[in-house]
Amino acid sequence: MKKFDVLIIILILISVAKGILIFRSEDEKITRTSEIHLHKTVERSETSQQELTVLTREQSLDQSKFQDFLDLEFKSLPTIDDLKNLTEEEVHFTPEAVKEAGGVIGRIQDEAENDSSKRIPAMNFFKNCAEDQELVPAVRAVCLNKTLKLIPIWQIPMPLSDELISHEISDLASKLP
């Protein structure tokens, strides 16, 4: 395995952890509100998606709106082609897109933890992320790891395609905590 891949995975995990820390109050109790969870979405969204975010602050997302949210977030995940366009300076650090992907994955899991009706769409998101061969391998490995760990916890069977998930991705995922 390449040292770079391991480094990327570690940095994604740190990004996910930082995303989770945002939700901790000073007394270490976890605070969960739609406004906090969807804050990053507002920053990256276009006008039509901002309207969706306003609705989520006023009421919880129904299934179709949550699916729209997941579709938007999936499109934000970095592809291999995205990384090919990095400058010489950027290749020496974890790309912002990869860090943001860690935050996306963490927010989706957090939303599904808070509302069990969102778990099946979230699992489908993680599965699709793990199987999408255009996405950055480190991000795919984090999604595969989430899928494999959450199947028994959430009790949602999720068949994965052996043909779409390489040994490299499986190996990376198995090394994650």
C-alpha atoms as a PDB file:
ATOM      1  CA  MET A   1       0.000   0.000   0.000  1.00  0.00           C
ATOM      2  CA  LYS A   2       1.209   3.487  -0.775  1.00  0.00           C
ATOM      3  CA  LYS A   3       2.172   5.690   2.147  1.00  0.00           C
ATOM      4  CA  PHE A   4       0.294   8.532   0.501  1.00  0.00           C
ATOM      5  CA  ASP A   5      -2.983   6.573   0.624  1.00  0.00           C
ATOM      6  CA  VAL A   6      -2.559   5.824   4.326  1.00  0.00           C
ATOM      7  CA  LEU A   7      -1.775   9.477   4.993  1.00  0.00           C
ATOM      8  CA  ILE A   8      -4.872  10.596   3.095  1.00  0.00           C
ATOM      9  CA  ILE A   9      -7.061   8.193   5.087  1.00  0.00           C
ATOM     10  CA  ILE A  10      -5.648   9.407   8.379  1.00  0.00           C
ATOM     11  CA  LEU A  11      -6.273  12.996   7.373  1.00  0.00           C
ATOM     12  CA  ILE A  12      -9.842  12.188   6.309  1.00  0.00           C
ATOM     13  CA  LEU A  13     -10.458  10.599   9.689  1.00  0.00           C
ATOM     14  CA  ILE A  14      -9.111  13.706  11.372  1.00  0.00           C
ATOM     15  CA  SER A  15     -11.437  15.807   9.223  1.00  0.00           C
ATOM     16  CA  VAL A  16     -14.387  13.621  10.181  1.00  0.00           C
ATOM     17  CA  ALA A  17     -13.402  13.911  13.834  1.00  0.00           C
ATOM     18  CA  LYS A  18     -13.155  17.696  13.548  1.00  0.00           C
ATOM     19  CA  GLY A  19     -16.619  17.756  12.031  1.00  0.00           C
ATOM     20  CA  ILE A  20     -17.921  15.806  14.973  1.00  0.00           C
ATOM     21  CA  LEU A  21     -16.191  18.103  17.474  1.00  0.00           C
ATOM     22  CA  ILE A  22     -18.148  21.017  16.075  1.00  0.00           C
ATOM     23  CA  PHE A  23     -21.227  19.485  17.651  1.00  0.00           C
ATOM     24  CA  ARG A  24     -19.734  19.208  21.147  1.00  0.00           C
ATOM     25  CA  SER A  25     -20.556  21.866  23.702  1.00  0.00           C
ATOM     26  CA  GLU A  26     -18.131  23.077  26.349  1.00  0.00           C
ATOM     27  CA  ASP A  27     -19.426  20.504  28.839  1.00  0.00           C
ATOM     28  CA  GLU A  28     -18.759  17.749  26.230  1.00  0.00           C
ATOM     29  CA  LYS A  29     -22.446  17.046  25.626  1.00  0.00           C
ATOM     30  CA  ILE A  30     -23.314  16.543  22.001  1.00  0.00           C
ATOM     31  CA  THR A  31     -25.631  19.190  20.626  1.00  0.00           C
ATOM     32  CA  ARG A  32     -27.472  18.303  17.447  1.00  0.00           C
ATOM     33  CA  THR A  33     -29.510  20.800  15.497  1.00  0.00           C
ATOM     34  CA  SER A  34     -30.374  21.040  11.831  1.00  0.00           C
ATOM     35  CA  GLU A  35     -28.875  24.510  11.654  1.00  0.00           C
ATOM     36  CA  ILE A  36     -25.456  23.255  12.781  1.00  0.00           C
ATOM     37  CA  HIS A  37     -25.563  20.086  10.719  1.00  0.00           C
ATOM     38  CA  LEU A  38     -26.422  21.852   7.506  1.00  0.00           C
ATOM     39  CA  HIS A  39     -24.246  24.930   7.986  1.00  0.00           C
ATOM     40  CA  LYS A  40     -21.594  23.733   5.496  1.00  0.00           C
ATOM     41  CA  THR A  41     -24.308  22.903   2.971  1.00  0.00           C
ATOM     42  CA  VAL A  42     -25.482  26.499   3.000  1.00  0.00           C
ATOM     43  CA  GLU A  43     -21.978  27.702   2.170  1.00  0.00           C
ATOM     44  CA  ARG A  44     -21.573  25.330  -0.808  1.00  0.00           C
ATOM     45  CA  SER A  45     -25.137  25.437  -2.079  1.00  0.00           C
ATOM     46  CA  GLU A  46     -26.665  27.241  -4.989  1.00  0.00           C
ATOM     47  CA  THR A  47     -29.793  29.343  -4.579  1.00  0.00           C
ATOM     48  CA  SER A  48     -32.250  26.463  -5.032  1.00  0.00           C
ATOM     49  CA  GLN A  49     -30.443  24.416  -2.396  1.00  0.00           C
ATOM     50  CA  GLN A  50     -30.436  27.370   0.018  1.00  0.00           C
ATOM     51  CA  GLU A  51     -34.223  27.234  -0.075  1.00  0.00           C
ATOM     52  CA  LEU A  52     -33.989  23.544   0.863  1.00  0.00           C
ATOM     53  CA  THR A  53     -31.722  24.432   3.803  1.00  0.00           C
ATOM     54  CA  VAL A  54     -34.146  27.085   5.064  1.00  0.00           C
ATOM     55  CA  LEU A  55     -36.909  24.482   5.051  1.00  0.00           C
ATOM     56  CA  THR A  56     -34.797  22.077   7.082  1.00  0.00           C
ATOM     57  CA  ARG A  57     -34.294  24.672   9.787  1.00  0.00           C
ATOM     58  CA  GLU A  58     -38.035  25.067  10.156  1.00  0.00           C
ATOM     59  CA  GLN A  59     -38.940  21.377   9.991  1.00  0.00           C
ATOM     60  CA  SER A  60     -37.147  18.055   9.751  1.00  0.00           C
ATOM     61  CA  LEU A  61     -36.323  16.773   6.290  1.00  0.00           C
ATOM     62  CA  ASP A  62     -38.736  14.332   4.786  1.00  0.00           C
ATOM     63  CA  GLN A  63     -37.323  11.416   2.817  1.00  0.00           C
ATOM     64  CA  SER A  64     -37.325  13.067  -0.599  1.00  0.00           C
ATOM     65  CA  LYS A  65     -35.692  16.261   0.676  1.00  0.00           C
ATOM     66  CA  PHE A  66     -33.100  14.223   2.546  1.00  0.00           C
ATOM     67  CA  GLN A  67     -32.406  12.328  -0.675  1.00  0.00           C
ATOM     68  CA  ASP A  68     -31.940  15.659  -2.479  1.00  0.00           C
ATOM     69  CA  PHE A  69     -29.494  16.660   0.254  1.00  0.00           C
ATOM     70  CA  LEU A  70     -27.595  13.368  -0.179  1.00  0.00           C
ATOM     71  CA  ASP A  71     -27.488  13.777  -3.949  1.00  0.00           C
ATOM     72  CA  LEU A  72     -26.024  17.264  -3.575  1.00  0.00           C
ATOM     73  CA  GLU A  73     -23.418  16.049  -1.097  1.00  0.00           C
ATOM     74  CA  PHE A  74     -22.487  13.078  -3.309  1.00  0.00           C
ATOM     75  CA  LYS A  75     -21.740  15.461  -6.172  1.00  0.00           C
ATOM     76  CA  SER A  76     -19.365  17.358  -3.882  1.00  0.00           C
ATOM     77  CA  LEU A  77     -17.141  14.309  -3.259  1.00  0.00           C
ATOM     78  CA  PRO A  78     -13.733  14.593  -4.949  1.00  0.00           C
ATOM     79  CA  THR A  79     -12.964  12.506  -8.027  1.00  0.00           C
ATOM     80  CA  ILE A  80      -9.620  11.234  -9.233  1.00  0.00           C
ATOM     81  CA  ASP A  81      -9.809  13.795 -12.044  1.00  0.00           C
ATOM     82  CA  ASP A  82     -10.222  16.570  -9.465  1.00  0.00           C
ATOM     83  CA  LEU A  83      -6.928  15.572  -7.868  1.00  0.00           C
ATOM     84  CA  LYS A  84      -5.136  15.556 -11.217  1.00  0.00           C
ATOM     85  CA  ASN A  85      -5.668  19.311 -11.386  1.00  0.00           C
ATOM     86  CA  LEU A  86      -3.847  20.072  -8.127  1.00  0.00           C
ATOM     87  CA  THR A  87      -0.907  22.465  -8.166  1.00  0.00           C
ATOM     88  CA  GLU A  88       2.570  21.323  -7.147  1.00  0.00           C
ATOM     89  CA  GLU A  89       2.110  23.000  -3.781  1.00  0.00           C
ATOM     90  CA  GLU A  90      -1.296  21.388  -3.155  1.00  0.00           C
ATOM     91  CA  VAL A  91      -0.015  17.829  -3.716  1.00  0.00           C
ATOM     92  CA  HIS A  92       2.145  18.146  -0.602  1.00  0.00           C
ATOM     93  CA  PHE A  93      -0.895  18.624   1.612  1.00  0.00           C
ATOM     94  CA  THR A  94      -4.279  16.995   1.960  1.00  0.00           C
ATOM     95  CA  PRO A  95      -6.482  18.652  -0.649  1.00  0.00           C
ATOM     96  CA  GLU A  96      -9.363  20.734   0.720  1.00  0.00           C
ATOM     97  CA  ALA A  97     -11.832  18.647  -1.299  1.00  0.00           C
ATOM     98  CA  VAL A  98     -10.677  15.493   0.494  1.00  0.00           C
ATOM     99  CA  LYS A  99     -10.957  17.184   3.891  1.00  0.00           C
ATOM    100  CA  GLU A 100     -14.445  18.403   3.029  1.00  0.00           C
ATOM    101  CA  ALA A 101     -15.422  14.867   1.980  1.00  0.00           C
ATOM    102  CA  GLY A 102     -14.599  13.692   5.495  1.00  0.00           C
ATOM    103  CA  GLY A 103     -16.936  16.341   6.878  1.00  0.00           C
ATOM    104  CA  VAL A 104     -19.674  15.312   4.447  1.00  0.00           C
ATOM    105  CA  ILE A 105     -19.428  11.664   5.502  1.00  0.00           C
ATOM    106  CA  GLY A 106     -19.497  12.617   9.176  1.00  0.00           C
ATOM    107  CA  ARG A 107     -22.529  14.900   8.782  1.00  0.00           C
ATOM    108  CA  ILE A 108     -24.493  12.257   6.904  1.00  0.00           C
ATOM    109  CA  GLN A 109     -23.778   9.645   9.554  1.00  0.00           C
ATOM    110  CA  ASP A 110     -24.716  12.117  12.271  1.00  0.00           C
ATOM    111  CA  GLU A 111     -28.026  12.961  10.568  1.00  0.00           C
ATOM    112  CA  ALA A 112     -28.842   9.247  10.288  1.00  0.00           C
ATOM    113  CA  GLU A 113     -27.856   8.593  13.904  1.00  0.00           C
ATOM    114  CA  ASN A 114     -30.328  11.279  14.994  1.00  0.00           C
ATOM    115  CA  ASP A 115     -33.182  10.106  12.771  1.00  0.00           C
ATOM    116  CA  SER A 116     -33.494   6.394  12.079  1.00  0.00           C
ATOM    117  CA  SER A 117     -35.698   7.061   9.030  1.00  0.00           C
ATOM    118  CA  LYS A 118     -32.596   8.519   7.338  1.00  0.00           C
ATOM    119  CA  ARG A 119     -30.451   5.418   7.851  1.00  0.00           C
ATOM    120  CA  ILE A 120     -31.361   3.509   4.685  1.00  0.00           C
ATOM    121  CA  PRO A 121     -30.703   6.503   2.400  1.00  0.00           C
ATOM    122  CA  ALA A 122     -27.461   7.186   4.304  1.00  0.00           C
ATOM    123  CA  MET A 123     -26.349   3.563   3.883  1.00  0.00           C
ATOM    124  CA  ASN A 124     -27.107   3.791   0.170  1.00  0.00           C
ATOM    125  CA  PHE A 125     -24.981   6.946   0.045  1.00  0.00           C
ATOM    126  CA  PHE A 126     -22.048   5.155   1.733  1.00  0.00           C
ATOM    127  CA  LYS A 127     -22.463   2.113  -0.531  1.00  0.00           C
ATOM    128  CA  ASN A 128     -22.568   4.235  -3.695  1.00  0.00           C
ATOM    129  CA  CYS A 129     -19.550   6.189  -2.502  1.00  0.00           C
ATOM    130  CA  ALA A 130     -17.575   2.985  -1.815  1.00  0.00           C
ATOM    131  CA  GLU A 131     -18.449   1.526  -5.219  1.00  0.00           C
ATOM    132  CA  ASP A 132     -17.954   4.652  -7.355  1.00  0.00           C
ATOM    133  CA  GLN A 133     -14.674   4.072  -9.174  1.00  0.00           C
ATOM    134  CA  GLU A 134     -14.338   7.736 -10.146  1.00  0.00           C
ATOM    135  CA  LEU A 135     -14.045   8.910  -6.534  1.00  0.00           C
ATOM    136  CA  VAL A 136     -10.737   9.304  -4.699  1.00  0.00           C
ATOM    137  CA  PRO A 137      -9.696   5.906  -3.235  1.00  0.00           C
ATOM    138  CA  ALA A 138      -9.216   7.256   0.289  1.00  0.00           C
ATOM    139  CA  VAL A 139     -12.761   8.657   0.351  1.00  0.00           C
ATOM    140  CA  ARG A 140     -14.130   5.381  -1.028  1.00  0.00           C
ATOM    141  CA  ALA A 141     -12.298   3.483   1.713  1.00  0.00           C
ATOM    142  CA  VAL A 142     -13.866   5.656   4.422  1.00  0.00           C
ATOM    143  CA  CYS A 143     -17.319   5.055   2.916  1.00  0.00           C
ATOM    144  CA  LEU A 144     -16.686   1.297   2.731  1.00  0.00           C
ATOM    145  CA  ASN A 145     -15.527   1.296   6.341  1.00  0.00           C
ATOM    146  CA  LYS A 146     -18.694   3.173   7.399  1.00  0.00           C
ATOM    147  CA  THR A 147     -20.887   0.748   5.460  1.00  0.00           C
ATOM    148  CA  LEU A 148     -19.283  -2.344   6.953  1.00  0.00           C
ATOM    149  CA  LYS A 149     -19.371  -0.980  10.501  1.00  0.00           C
ATOM    150  CA  LEU A 150     -22.930   0.350  10.321  1.00  0.00           C
ATOM    151  CA  ILE A 151     -24.571  -2.728   8.764  1.00  0.00           C
ATOM    152  CA  PRO A 152     -24.691  -4.622  12.091  1.00  0.00           C
ATOM    153  CA  ILE A 153     -25.324  -1.522  14.224  1.00  0.00           C
ATOM    154  CA  TRP A 154     -28.197  -0.173  12.153  1.00  0.00           C
ATOM    155  CA  GLN A 155     -29.262  -3.686  11.113  1.00  0.00           C
ATOM    156  CA  ILE A 156     -29.560  -2.723   7.460  1.00  0.00           C
ATOM    157  CA  PRO A 157     -28.326  -5.375   5.029  1.00  0.00           C
ATOM    158  CA  MET A 158     -26.376  -3.720   2.243  1.00  0.00           C
ATOM    159  CA  PRO A 159     -24.976  -5.910  -0.529  1.00  0.00           C
ATOM    160  CA  LEU A 160     -21.661  -4.632  -1.881  1.00  0.00           C
ATOM    161  CA  SER A 161     -20.256  -5.385  -5.310  1.00  0.00           C
ATOM    162  CA  ASP A 162     -16.948  -7.247  -5.209  1.00  0.00           C
ATOM    163  CA  GLU A 163     -16.423  -6.213  -8.825  1.00  0.00           C
ATOM    164  CA  LEU A 164     -16.647  -2.488  -8.027  1.00  0.00           C
ATOM    165  CA  ILE A 165     -14.581  -2.488  -4.843  1.00  0.00           C
ATOM    166  CA  SER A 166     -10.927  -3.280  -5.460  1.00  0.00           C
ATOM    167  CA  HIS A 167      -8.601  -5.024  -3.021  1.00  0.00           C
ATOM    168  CA  GLU A 168      -6.833  -1.679  -2.556  1.00  0.00           C
ATOM    169  CA  ILE A 169     -10.047  -0.046  -1.296  1.00  0.00           C
ATOM    170  CA  SER A 170     -10.858  -3.057   0.933  1.00  0.00           C
ATOM    171  CA  ASP A 171      -7.350  -3.030   2.385  1.00  0.00           C
ATOM    172  CA  LEU A 172      -7.511   0.686   3.099  1.00  0.00           C
ATOM    173  CA  ALA A 173     -10.948   0.346   4.696  1.00  0.00           C
ATOM    174  CA  SER A 174      -9.814  -2.536   6.894  1.00  0.00           C
ATOM    175  CA  LYS A 175      -6.991  -0.408   8.336  1.00  0.00           C
ATOM    176  CA  LEU A 176      -9.344   2.317   9.501  1.00  0.00           C
ATOM    177  CA  PRO A 177     -10.511   2.352  13.119  1.00  0.00           C
END
